[in-house]
Amino acid sequence: MRDIPVNLGGFKLRITEEPSMKMRERDGQKEPVTVDGVRQFTVSLFAKRPGQKGEEIRVTLPADPGEGFEEGDLVELIDATVSPYSFTNGRGETVSGMAFKAAGLKPLG
């Protein structure tokens, strides 16, 4: 199952790492991640509901969200989705989790 819509209403989303180009390491070299030739971006957010503990999430964006998004800013995700994943790494360990994506970022207040 991929790209399950997720409702993050009620969560405060605060930027912990500003948006940057998504990179991967291949053969010891870093290179931009692309989908259909389009460079992807990532942003790290701290997601928290009032009165509860929070969690940092990393969100992939299909394009540069533009200027004006800085560490500490509150934002909203546009069309947020989540996709579960699981794979076996090179050491034979099973790695699994949830990958967050969004169509973009919207500044709040």
PDB file of N, CA and C in Angstrom:
ATOM      1  N   MET A   1       0.847  -1.164   0.000  1.00  0.00           N
ATOM      2  CA  MET A   1       0.000   0.000   0.000  1.00  0.00           C
ATOM      3  C   MET A   1       0.897   1.232   0.000  1.00  0.00           C
ATOM      4  N   ARG A   2       0.605   2.178  -0.863  1.00  0.00           N
ATOM      5  CA  ARG A   2       1.455   3.364  -0.980  1.00  0.00           C
ATOM      6  C   ARG A   2       0.622   4.630  -0.965  1.00  0.00           C
ATOM      7  N   ASP A   3       1.258   5.697  -0.529  1.00  0.00           N
ATOM      8  CA  ASP A   3       0.671   7.034  -0.540  1.00  0.00           C
ATOM      9  C   ASP A   3      -0.731   7.074   0.087  1.00  0.00           C
ATOM     10  N   ILE A   4      -0.796   6.691   1.340  1.00  0.00           N
ATOM     11  CA  ILE A   4      -2.039   6.728   2.101  1.00  0.00           C
ATOM     12  C   ILE A   4      -2.229   8.158   2.610  1.00  0.00           C
ATOM     13  N   PRO A   5      -3.346   8.811   2.277  1.00  0.00           N
ATOM     14  CA  PRO A   5      -3.564  10.173   2.786  1.00  0.00           C
ATOM     15  C   PRO A   5      -3.545  10.173   4.317  1.00  0.00           C
ATOM     16  N   VAL A   6      -2.926  11.203   4.888  1.00  0.00           N
ATOM     17  CA  VAL A   6      -2.823  11.292   6.337  1.00  0.00           C
ATOM     18  C   VAL A   6      -3.306  12.677   6.782  1.00  0.00           C
ATOM     19  N   ASN A   7      -4.106  12.682   7.837  1.00  0.00           N
ATOM     20  CA  ASN A   7      -4.653  13.922   8.377  1.00  0.00           C
ATOM     21  C   ASN A   7      -3.830  14.297   9.607  1.00  0.00           C
ATOM     22  N   LEU A   8      -3.065  15.376   9.506  1.00  0.00           N
ATOM     23  CA  LEU A   8      -2.246  15.827  10.623  1.00  0.00           C
ATOM     24  C   LEU A   8      -2.869  17.028  11.319  1.00  0.00           C
ATOM     25  N   GLY A   9      -4.184  17.209  11.125  1.00  0.00           N
ATOM     26  CA  GLY A   9      -4.903  18.261  11.830  1.00  0.00           C
ATOM     27  C   GLY A   9      -4.781  18.034  13.330  1.00  0.00           C
ATOM     28  N   GLY A  10      -4.593  19.097  14.075  1.00  0.00           N
ATOM     29  CA  GLY A  10      -4.419  18.975  15.513  1.00  0.00           C
ATOM     30  C   GLY A  10      -2.966  18.855  15.924  1.00  0.00           C
ATOM     31  N   PHE A  11      -2.067  18.616  14.962  1.00  0.00           N
ATOM     32  CA  PHE A  11      -0.637  18.565  15.246  1.00  0.00           C
ATOM     33  C   PHE A  11      -0.012  19.917  14.939  1.00  0.00           C
ATOM     34  N   LYS A  12       0.902  20.346  15.801  1.00  0.00           N
ATOM     35  CA  LYS A  12       1.748  21.485  15.475  1.00  0.00           C
ATOM     36  C   LYS A  12       2.966  20.918  14.774  1.00  0.00           C
ATOM     37  N   LEU A  13       3.282  21.458  13.605  1.00  0.00           N
ATOM     38  CA  LEU A  13       4.438  21.012  12.830  1.00  0.00           C
ATOM     39  C   LEU A  13       5.454  22.142  12.795  1.00  0.00           C
ATOM     40  N   ARG A  14       6.598  21.923  13.428  1.00  0.00           N
ATOM     41  CA  ARG A  14       7.625  22.960  13.527  1.00  0.00           C
ATOM     42  C   ARG A  14       8.881  22.489  12.776  1.00  0.00           C
ATOM     43  N   ILE A  15       9.424  23.354  11.938  1.00  0.00           N
ATOM     44  CA  ILE A  15      10.617  23.002  11.166  1.00  0.00           C
ATOM     45  C   ILE A  15      11.811  22.848  12.106  1.00  0.00           C
ATOM     46  N   THR A  16      12.472  21.678  12.025  1.00  0.00           N
ATOM     47  CA  THR A  16      13.697  21.448  12.799  1.00  0.00           C
ATOM     48  C   THR A  16      14.929  21.469  11.900  1.00  0.00           C
ATOM     49  N   GLU A  17      14.750  21.178  10.618  1.00  0.00           N
ATOM     50  CA  GLU A  17      15.808  21.327   9.610  1.00  0.00           C
ATOM     51  C   GLU A  17      15.165  21.922   8.377  1.00  0.00           C
ATOM     52  N   GLU A  18      15.706  23.030   7.898  1.00  0.00           N
ATOM     53  CA  GLU A  18      15.134  23.734   6.755  1.00  0.00           C
ATOM     54  C   GLU A  18      15.101  22.839   5.514  1.00  0.00           C
ATOM     55  N   PRO A  19      14.174  23.125   4.597  1.00  0.00           N
ATOM     56  CA  PRO A  19      14.098  22.344   3.362  1.00  0.00           C
ATOM     57  C   PRO A  19      15.430  22.351   2.613  1.00  0.00           C
ATOM     58  N   SER A  20      15.801  21.197   2.100  1.00  0.00           N
ATOM     59  CA  SER A  20      17.035  21.068   1.315  1.00  0.00           C
ATOM     60  C   SER A  20      16.836  19.983   0.266  1.00  0.00           C
ATOM     61  N   MET A  21      17.721  19.978  -0.716  1.00  0.00           N
ATOM     62  CA  MET A  21      17.645  18.967  -1.765  1.00  0.00           C
ATOM     63  C   MET A  21      17.900  17.587  -1.159  1.00  0.00           C
ATOM     64  N   LYS A  22      17.098  16.618  -1.533  1.00  0.00           N
ATOM     65  CA  LYS A  22      17.246  15.247  -1.038  1.00  0.00           C
ATOM     66  C   LYS A  22      18.430  14.603  -1.754  1.00  0.00           C
ATOM     67  N   MET A  23      19.341  14.023  -0.963  1.00  0.00           N
ATOM     68  CA  MET A  23      20.550  13.417  -1.531  1.00  0.00           C
ATOM     69  C   MET A  23      20.626  11.945  -1.132  1.00  0.00           C
ATOM     70  N   ARG A  24      21.298  11.163  -1.959  1.00  0.00           N
ATOM     71  CA  ARG A  24      21.589   9.762  -1.623  1.00  0.00           C
ATOM     72  C   ARG A  24      23.050   9.509  -1.953  1.00  0.00           C
ATOM     73  N   GLU A  25      23.600   8.507  -1.252  1.00  0.00           N
ATOM     74  CA  GLU A  25      24.985   8.141  -1.517  1.00  0.00           C
ATOM     75  C   GLU A  25      25.006   6.916  -2.413  1.00  0.00           C
ATOM     76  N   ARG A  26      25.787   7.020  -3.467  1.00  0.00           N
ATOM     77  CA  ARG A  26      25.925   5.910  -4.409  1.00  0.00           C
ATOM     78  C   ARG A  26      27.400   5.802  -4.783  1.00  0.00           C
ATOM     79  N   ASP A  27      27.975   4.648  -4.537  1.00  0.00           N
ATOM     80  CA  ASP A  27      29.395   4.413  -4.829  1.00  0.00           C
ATOM     81  C   ASP A  27      30.287   5.456  -4.173  1.00  0.00           C
ATOM     82  N   GLY A  28      29.938   5.842  -2.927  1.00  0.00           N
ATOM     83  CA  GLY A  28      30.745   6.793  -2.192  1.00  0.00           C
ATOM     84  C   GLY A  28      30.546   8.246  -2.584  1.00  0.00           C
ATOM     85  N   GLN A  29      29.684   8.501  -3.554  1.00  0.00           N
ATOM     86  CA  GLN A  29      29.414   9.861  -4.016  1.00  0.00           C
ATOM     87  C   GLN A  29      27.984  10.251  -3.688  1.00  0.00           C
ATOM     88  N   LYS A  30      27.773  11.504  -3.290  1.00  0.00           N
ATOM     89  CA  LYS A  30      26.419  11.986  -3.047  1.00  0.00           C
ATOM     90  C   LYS A  30      25.838  12.530  -4.344  1.00  0.00           C
ATOM     91  N   GLU A  31      24.547  12.201  -4.572  1.00  0.00           N
ATOM     92  CA  GLU A  31      23.869  12.687  -5.767  1.00  0.00           C
ATOM     93  C   GLU A  31      22.430  13.045  -5.422  1.00  0.00           C
ATOM     94  N   PRO A  32      21.833  14.000  -6.151  1.00  0.00           N
ATOM     95  CA  PRO A  32      20.438  14.383  -5.890  1.00  0.00           C
ATOM     96  C   PRO A  32      19.484  13.242  -6.213  1.00  0.00           C
ATOM     97  N   VAL A  33      18.429  13.125  -5.401  1.00  0.00           N
ATOM     98  CA  VAL A  33      17.372  12.150  -5.666  1.00  0.00           C
ATOM     99  C   VAL A  33      16.391  12.793  -6.635  1.00  0.00           C
ATOM    100  N   THR A  34      16.063  12.053  -7.704  1.00  0.00           N
ATOM    101  CA  THR A  34      15.101  12.560  -8.676  1.00  0.00           C
ATOM    102  C   THR A  34      13.988  11.540  -8.891  1.00  0.00           C
ATOM    103  N   VAL A  35      12.815  12.040  -9.238  1.00  0.00           N
ATOM    104  CA  VAL A  35      11.684  11.208  -9.643  1.00  0.00           C
ATOM    105  C   VAL A  35      11.237  11.756 -10.986  1.00  0.00           C
ATOM    106  N   ASP A  36      11.309  10.922 -12.015  1.00  0.00           N
ATOM    107  CA  ASP A  36      10.981  11.346 -13.379  1.00  0.00           C
ATOM    108  C   ASP A  36      11.758  12.593 -13.774  1.00  0.00           C
ATOM    109  N   GLY A  37      13.033  12.657 -13.369  1.00  0.00           N
ATOM    110  CA  GLY A  37      13.904  13.764 -13.723  1.00  0.00           C
ATOM    111  C   GLY A  37      13.740  15.014 -12.871  1.00  0.00           C
ATOM    112  N   VAL A  38      12.833  14.992 -11.888  1.00  0.00           N
ATOM    113  CA  VAL A  38      12.586  16.156 -11.036  1.00  0.00           C
ATOM    114  C   VAL A  38      13.276  15.947  -9.684  1.00  0.00           C
ATOM    115  N   ARG A  39      14.107  16.912  -9.293  1.00  0.00           N
ATOM    116  CA  ARG A  39      14.809  16.815  -8.019  1.00  0.00           C
ATOM    117  C   ARG A  39      13.831  16.920  -6.853  1.00  0.00           C
ATOM    118  N   GLN A  40      14.048  16.057  -5.848  1.00  0.00           N
ATOM    119  CA  GLN A  40      13.208  16.011  -4.664  1.00  0.00           C
ATOM    120  C   GLN A  40      13.863  16.807  -3.534  1.00  0.00           C
ATOM    121  N   PHE A  41      13.044  17.265  -2.594  1.00  0.00           N
ATOM    122  CA  PHE A  41      13.515  18.021  -1.439  1.00  0.00           C
ATOM    123  C   PHE A  41      13.007  17.359  -0.174  1.00  0.00           C
ATOM    124  N   THR A  42      13.653  17.647   0.958  1.00  0.00           N
ATOM    125  CA  THR A  42      13.188  17.129   2.239  1.00  0.00           C
ATOM    126  C   THR A  42      13.158  18.256   3.265  1.00  0.00           C
ATOM    127  N   VAL A  43      12.316  18.070   4.254  1.00  0.00           N
ATOM    128  CA  VAL A  43      12.251  18.977   5.399  1.00  0.00           C
ATOM    129  C   VAL A  43      12.014  18.122   6.635  1.00  0.00           C
ATOM    130  N   SER A  44      12.672  18.469   7.736  1.00  0.00           N
ATOM    131  CA  SER A  44      12.453  17.768   9.000  1.00  0.00           C
ATOM    132  C   SER A  44      11.536  18.613   9.871  1.00  0.00           C
ATOM    133  N   LEU A  45      10.528  17.950  10.435  1.00  0.00           N
ATOM    134  CA  LEU A  45       9.526  18.627  11.251  1.00  0.00           C
ATOM    135  C   LEU A  45       9.381  17.919  12.585  1.00  0.00           C
ATOM    136  N   PHE A  46       9.084  18.696  13.614  1.00  0.00           N
ATOM    137  CA  PHE A  46       8.716  18.120  14.897  1.00  0.00           C
ATOM    138  C   PHE A  46       7.196  18.170  14.955  1.00  0.00           C
ATOM    139  N   ALA A  47       6.561  17.009  15.042  1.00  0.00           N
ATOM    140  CA  ALA A  47       5.100  16.898  15.044  1.00  0.00           C
ATOM    141  C   ALA A  47       4.632  16.611  16.465  1.00  0.00           C
ATOM    142  N   LYS A  48       3.730  17.475  16.971  1.00  0.00           N
ATOM    143  CA  LYS A  48       3.299  17.323  18.358  1.00  0.00           C
ATOM    144  C   LYS A  48       1.862  17.793  18.531  1.00  0.00           C
ATOM    145  N   ARG A  49       1.090  16.999  19.278  1.00  0.00           N
ATOM    146  CA  ARG A  49      -0.246  17.412  19.711  1.00  0.00           C
ATOM    147  C   ARG A  49      -0.127  18.038  21.088  1.00  0.00           C
ATOM    148  N   PRO A  50      -0.960  19.033  21.386  1.00  0.00           N
ATOM    149  CA  PRO A  50      -0.903  19.644  22.717  1.00  0.00           C
ATOM    150  C   PRO A  50      -1.078  18.596  23.825  1.00  0.00           C
ATOM    151  N   GLY A  51      -0.206  18.657  24.843  1.00  0.00           N
ATOM    152  CA  GLY A  51      -0.300  17.747  25.985  1.00  0.00           C
ATOM    153  C   GLY A  51       0.282  16.373  25.754  1.00  0.00           C
ATOM    154  N   GLN A  52       0.839  16.125  24.567  1.00  0.00           N
ATOM    155  CA  GLN A  52       1.414  14.811  24.271  1.00  0.00           C
ATOM    156  C   GLN A  52       2.874  14.964  23.868  1.00  0.00           C
ATOM    157  N   LYS A  53       3.598  13.856  23.894  1.00  0.00           N
ATOM    158  CA  LYS A  53       4.969  13.863  23.403  1.00  0.00           C
ATOM    159  C   LYS A  53       4.951  13.975  21.892  1.00  0.00           C
ATOM    160  N   GLY A  54       5.995  14.533  21.332  1.00  0.00           N
ATOM    161  CA  GLY A  54       6.089  14.688  19.889  1.00  0.00           C
ATOM    162  C   GLY A  54       7.122  13.766  19.279  1.00  0.00           C
ATOM    163  N   GLU A  55       7.254  13.886  17.975  1.00  0.00           N
ATOM    164  CA  GLU A  55       8.190  13.048  17.236  1.00  0.00           C
ATOM    165  C   GLU A  55       8.686  13.820  16.026  1.00  0.00           C
ATOM    166  N   GLU A  56       9.957  13.634  15.702  1.00  0.00           N
ATOM    167  CA  GLU A  56      10.500  14.269  14.506  1.00  0.00           C
ATOM    168  C   GLU A  56      10.197  13.377  13.298  1.00  0.00           C
ATOM    169  N   ILE A  57       9.725  14.006  12.231  1.00  0.00           N
ATOM    170  CA  ILE A  57       9.468  13.280  10.989  1.00  0.00           C
ATOM    171  C   ILE A  57      10.215  13.993   9.861  1.00  0.00           C
ATOM    172  N   ARG A  58      10.593  13.223   8.873  1.00  0.00           N
ATOM    173  CA  ARG A  58      11.262  13.772   7.683  1.00  0.00           C
ATOM    174  C   ARG A  58      10.274  13.600   6.544  1.00  0.00           C
ATOM    175  N   VAL A  59      10.020  14.690   5.817  1.00  0.00           N
ATOM    176  CA  VAL A  59       9.003  14.697   4.769  1.00  0.00           C
ATOM    177  C   VAL A  59       9.658  15.001   3.429  1.00  0.00           C
ATOM    178  N   THR A  60       9.351  14.180   2.414  1.00  0.00           N
ATOM    179  CA  THR A  60       9.835  14.415   1.058  1.00  0.00           C
ATOM    180  C   THR A  60       8.850  15.302   0.317  1.00  0.00           C
ATOM    181  N   LEU A  61       9.391  16.294  -0.393  1.00  0.00           N
ATOM    182  CA  LEU A  61       8.589  17.228  -1.185  1.00  0.00           C
ATOM    183  C   LEU A  61       8.992  17.089  -2.650  1.00  0.00           C
ATOM    184  N   PRO A  62       8.029  17.205  -3.595  1.00  0.00           N
ATOM    185  CA  PRO A  62       8.337  17.003  -5.006  1.00  0.00           C
ATOM    186  C   PRO A  62       9.009  18.196  -5.677  1.00  0.00           C
ATOM    187  N   ALA A  63       9.165  19.301  -4.949  1.00  0.00           N
ATOM    188  CA  ALA A  63       9.784  20.497  -5.521  1.00  0.00           C
ATOM    189  C   ALA A  63      10.304  21.377  -4.396  1.00  0.00           C
ATOM    190  N   ASP A  64      11.143  22.315  -4.739  1.00  0.00           N
ATOM    191  CA  ASP A  64      11.652  23.285  -3.777  1.00  0.00           C
ATOM    192  C   ASP A  64      10.474  24.103  -3.251  1.00  0.00           C
ATOM    193  N   PRO A  65      10.249  24.145  -1.936  1.00  0.00           N
ATOM    194  CA  PRO A  65       9.106  24.884  -1.409  1.00  0.00           C
ATOM    195  C   PRO A  65       9.283  26.398  -1.468  1.00  0.00           C
ATOM    196  N   GLY A  66      10.476  26.857  -1.822  1.00  0.00           N
ATOM    197  CA  GLY A  66      10.718  28.286  -1.953  1.00  0.00           C
ATOM    198  C   GLY A  66      11.325  28.891  -0.704  1.00  0.00           C
ATOM    199  N   GLU A  67      11.490  30.200  -0.743  1.00  0.00           N
ATOM    200  CA  GLU A  67      12.101  30.947   0.349  1.00  0.00           C
ATOM    201  C   GLU A  67      11.125  31.113   1.513  1.00  0.00           C
ATOM    202  N   GLY A  68      11.669  31.465   2.663  1.00  0.00           N
ATOM    203  CA  GLY A  68      10.836  31.841   3.795  1.00  0.00           C
ATOM    204  C   GLY A  68      10.512  30.736   4.772  1.00  0.00           C
ATOM    205  N   PHE A  69      11.102  29.567   4.621  1.00  0.00           N
ATOM    206  CA  PHE A  69      10.882  28.468   5.574  1.00  0.00           C
ATOM    207  C   PHE A  69      12.166  28.277   6.365  1.00  0.00           C
ATOM    208  N   GLU A  70      12.102  28.647   7.659  1.00  0.00           N
ATOM    209  CA  GLU A  70      13.295  28.597   8.494  1.00  0.00           C
ATOM    210  C   GLU A  70      13.068  27.727   9.721  1.00  0.00           C
ATOM    211  N   GLU A  71      14.176  27.287  10.329  1.00  0.00           N
ATOM    212  CA  GLU A  71      14.099  26.486  11.548  1.00  0.00           C
ATOM    213  C   GLU A  71      13.258  27.215  12.593  1.00  0.00           C
ATOM    214  N   GLY A  72      12.326  26.475  13.205  1.00  0.00           N
ATOM    215  CA  GLY A  72      11.455  27.043  14.229  1.00  0.00           C
ATOM    216  C   GLY A  72      10.099  27.490  13.718  1.00  0.00           C
ATOM    217  N   ASP A  73       9.947  27.652  12.394  1.00  0.00           N
ATOM    218  CA  ASP A  73       8.670  28.088  11.824  1.00  0.00           C
ATOM    219  C   ASP A  73       7.616  26.998  11.947  1.00  0.00           C
ATOM    220  N   LEU A  74       6.368  27.406  12.213  1.00  0.00           N
ATOM    221  CA  LEU A  74       5.230  26.490  12.180  1.00  0.00           C
ATOM    222  C   LEU A  74       4.719  26.419  10.749  1.00  0.00           C
ATOM    223  N   VAL A  75       4.418  25.195  10.285  1.00  0.00           N
ATOM    224  CA  VAL A  75       3.958  24.989   8.918  1.00  0.00           C
ATOM    225  C   VAL A  75       2.807  23.994   8.880  1.00  0.00           C
ATOM    226  N   GLU A  76       2.192  23.917   7.735  1.00  0.00           N
ATOM    227  CA  GLU A  76       1.159  22.916   7.443  1.00  0.00           C
ATOM    228  C   GLU A  76       1.621  22.167   6.199  1.00  0.00           C
ATOM    229  N   LEU A  77       1.377  20.855   6.154  1.00  0.00           N
ATOM    230  CA  LEU A  77       1.701  20.065   4.967  1.00  0.00           C
ATOM    231  C   LEU A  77       0.516  20.081   4.016  1.00  0.00           C
ATOM    232  N   ILE A  78       0.797  20.230   2.735  1.00  0.00           N
ATOM    233  CA  ILE A  78      -0.238  20.199   1.701  1.00  0.00           C
ATOM    234  C   ILE A  78      -0.301  18.778   1.148  1.00  0.00           C
ATOM    235  N   ASP A  79      -1.489  18.177   1.196  1.00  0.00           N
ATOM    236  CA  ASP A  79      -1.716  16.820   0.673  1.00  0.00           C
ATOM    237  C   ASP A  79      -0.697  15.806   1.210  1.00  0.00           C
ATOM    238  N   ALA A  80      -0.611  15.702   2.522  1.00  0.00           N
ATOM    239  CA  ALA A  80       0.338  14.783   3.158  1.00  0.00           C
ATOM    240  C   ALA A  80      -0.085  13.328   2.954  1.00  0.00           C
ATOM    241  N   THR A  81       0.906  12.479   2.726  1.00  0.00           N
ATOM    242  CA  THR A  81       0.676  11.035   2.612  1.00  0.00           C
ATOM    243  C   THR A  81       1.761  10.306   3.393  1.00  0.00           C
ATOM    244  N   VAL A  82       1.510   9.030   3.658  1.00  0.00           N
ATOM    245  CA  VAL A  82       2.481   8.171   4.310  1.00  0.00           C
ATOM    246  C   VAL A  82       2.504   6.832   3.572  1.00  0.00           C
ATOM    247  N   SER A  83       3.697   6.244   3.488  1.00  0.00           N
ATOM    248  CA  SER A  83       3.852   4.935   2.837  1.00  0.00           C
ATOM    249  C   SER A  83       4.695   4.044   3.735  1.00  0.00           C
ATOM    250  N   PRO A  84       4.179   2.878   4.094  1.00  0.00           N
ATOM    251  CA  PRO A  84       5.002   1.950   4.875  1.00  0.00           C
ATOM    252  C   PRO A  84       6.072   1.326   3.978  1.00  0.00           C
ATOM    253  N   TYR A  85       7.231   1.005   4.579  1.00  0.00           N
ATOM    254  CA  TYR A  85       8.278   0.332   3.813  1.00  0.00           C
ATOM    255  C   TYR A  85       8.971  -0.701   4.696  1.00  0.00           C
ATOM    256  N   SER A  86       9.597  -1.655   4.042  1.00  0.00           N
ATOM    257  CA  SER A  86      10.380  -2.669   4.720  1.00  0.00           C
ATOM    258  C   SER A  86      11.353  -3.265   3.706  1.00  0.00           C
ATOM    259  N   PHE A  87      12.620  -3.393   4.104  1.00  0.00           N
ATOM    260  CA  PHE A  87      13.614  -4.001   3.224  1.00  0.00           C
ATOM    261  C   PHE A  87      14.728  -4.603   4.076  1.00  0.00           C
ATOM    262  N   THR A  88      15.527  -5.444   3.454  1.00  0.00           N
ATOM    263  CA  THR A  88      16.678  -6.036   4.111  1.00  0.00           C
ATOM    264  C   THR A  88      17.919  -5.292   3.642  1.00  0.00           C
ATOM    265  N   ASN A  89      18.696  -4.769   4.602  1.00  0.00           N
ATOM    266  CA  ASN A  89      19.886  -4.010   4.223  1.00  0.00           C
ATOM    267  C   ASN A  89      21.056  -4.947   3.927  1.00  0.00           C
ATOM    268  N   GLY A  90      22.200  -4.359   3.612  1.00  0.00           N
ATOM    269  CA  GLY A  90      23.388  -5.135   3.239  1.00  0.00           C
ATOM    270  C   GLY A  90      23.945  -6.005   4.342  1.00  0.00           C
ATOM    271  N   ARG A  91      23.537  -5.770   5.589  1.00  0.00           N
ATOM    272  CA  ARG A  91      23.989  -6.590   6.716  1.00  0.00           C
ATOM    273  C   ARG A  91      22.974  -7.664   7.080  1.00  0.00           C
ATOM    274  N   GLY A  92      21.920  -7.788   6.269  1.00  0.00           N
ATOM    275  CA  GLY A  92      20.905  -8.803   6.527  1.00  0.00           C
ATOM    276  C   GLY A  92      19.862  -8.398   7.547  1.00  0.00           C
ATOM    277  N   GLU A  93      19.856  -7.137   7.963  1.00  0.00           N
ATOM    278  CA  GLU A  93      18.894  -6.650   8.941  1.00  0.00           C
ATOM    279  C   GLU A  93      17.635  -6.138   8.228  1.00  0.00           C
ATOM    280  N   THR A  94      16.488  -6.376   8.818  1.00  0.00           N
ATOM    281  CA  THR A  94      15.247  -5.854   8.269  1.00  0.00           C
ATOM    282  C   THR A  94      15.050  -4.436   8.777  1.00  0.00           C
ATOM    283  N   VAL A  95      14.838  -3.520   7.855  1.00  0.00           N
ATOM    284  CA  VAL A  95      14.603  -2.115   8.177  1.00  0.00           C
ATOM    285  C   VAL A  95      13.180  -1.797   7.737  1.00  0.00           C
ATOM    286  N   SER A  96      12.394  -1.197   8.620  1.00  0.00           N
ATOM    287  CA  SER A  96      11.024  -0.852   8.242  1.00  0.00           C
ATOM    288  C   SER A  96      10.640   0.469   8.890  1.00  0.00           C
ATOM    289  N   GLY A  97       9.627   1.100   8.340  1.00  0.00           N
ATOM    290  CA  GLY A  97       9.169   2.377   8.874  1.00  0.00           C
ATOM    291  C   GLY A  97       8.080   2.974   8.012  1.00  0.00           C
ATOM    292  N   MET A  98       7.904   4.278   8.176  1.00  0.00           N
ATOM    293  CA  MET A  98       6.891   5.019   7.432  1.00  0.00           C
ATOM    294  C   MET A  98       7.584   6.178   6.739  1.00  0.00           C
ATOM    295  N   ALA A  99       7.319   6.356   5.454  1.00  0.00           N
ATOM    296  CA  ALA A  99       7.883   7.465   4.687  1.00  0.00           C
ATOM    297  C   ALA A  99       6.789   8.503   4.460  1.00  0.00           C
ATOM    298  N   PHE A 100       7.038   9.735   4.913  1.00  0.00           N
ATOM    299  CA  PHE A 100       6.093  10.830   4.732  1.00  0.00           C
ATOM    300  C   PHE A 100       6.417  11.603   3.476  1.00  0.00           C
ATOM    301  N   LYS A 101       5.365  12.012   2.768  1.00  0.00           N
ATOM    302  CA  LYS A 101       5.497  12.871   1.580  1.00  0.00           C
ATOM    303  C   LYS A 101       4.415  13.938   1.662  1.00  0.00           C
ATOM    304  N   ALA A 102       4.633  15.037   0.971  1.00  0.00           N
ATOM    305  CA  ALA A 102       3.623  16.092   0.878  1.00  0.00           C
ATOM    306  C   ALA A 102       3.834  16.831  -0.436  1.00  0.00           C
ATOM    307  N   ALA A 103       2.742  17.413  -0.954  1.00  0.00           N
ATOM    308  CA  ALA A 103       2.830  18.189  -2.196  1.00  0.00           C
ATOM    309  C   ALA A 103       3.540  19.517  -1.965  1.00  0.00           C
ATOM    310  N   GLY A 104       3.551  20.004  -0.710  1.00  0.00           N
ATOM    311  CA  GLY A 104       4.218  21.254  -0.413  1.00  0.00           C
ATOM    312  C   GLY A 104       4.060  21.646   1.032  1.00  0.00           C
ATOM    313  N   LEU A 105       4.590  22.840   1.349  1.00  0.00           N
ATOM    314  CA  LEU A 105       4.520  23.414   2.689  1.00  0.00           C
ATOM    315  C   LEU A 105       3.750  24.717   2.644  1.00  0.00           C
ATOM    316  N   LYS A 106       3.030  24.993   3.723  1.00  0.00           N
ATOM    317  CA  LYS A 106       2.290  26.244   3.851  1.00  0.00           C
ATOM    318  C   LYS A 106       2.678  26.865   5.182  1.00  0.00           C
ATOM    319  N   PRO A 107       3.172  28.123   5.182  1.00  0.00           N
ATOM    320  CA  PRO A 107       3.538  28.753   6.457  1.00  0.00           C
ATOM    321  C   PRO A 107       2.293  29.039   7.290  1.00  0.00           C
ATOM    322  N   LEU A 108       2.431  28.974   8.618  1.00  0.00           N
ATOM    323  CA  LEU A 108       1.349  29.316   9.534  1.00  0.00           C
ATOM    324  C   LEU A 108       1.751  30.538  10.357  1.00  0.00           C
ATOM    325  N   GLY A 109       0.807  31.432  10.551  1.00  0.00           N
ATOM    326  CA  GLY A 109       0.908  32.580  11.424  1.00  0.00           C
ATOM    327  C   GLY A 109       2.166  33.345  11.321  1.00  0.00           C
TER     328      GLY A 109
END
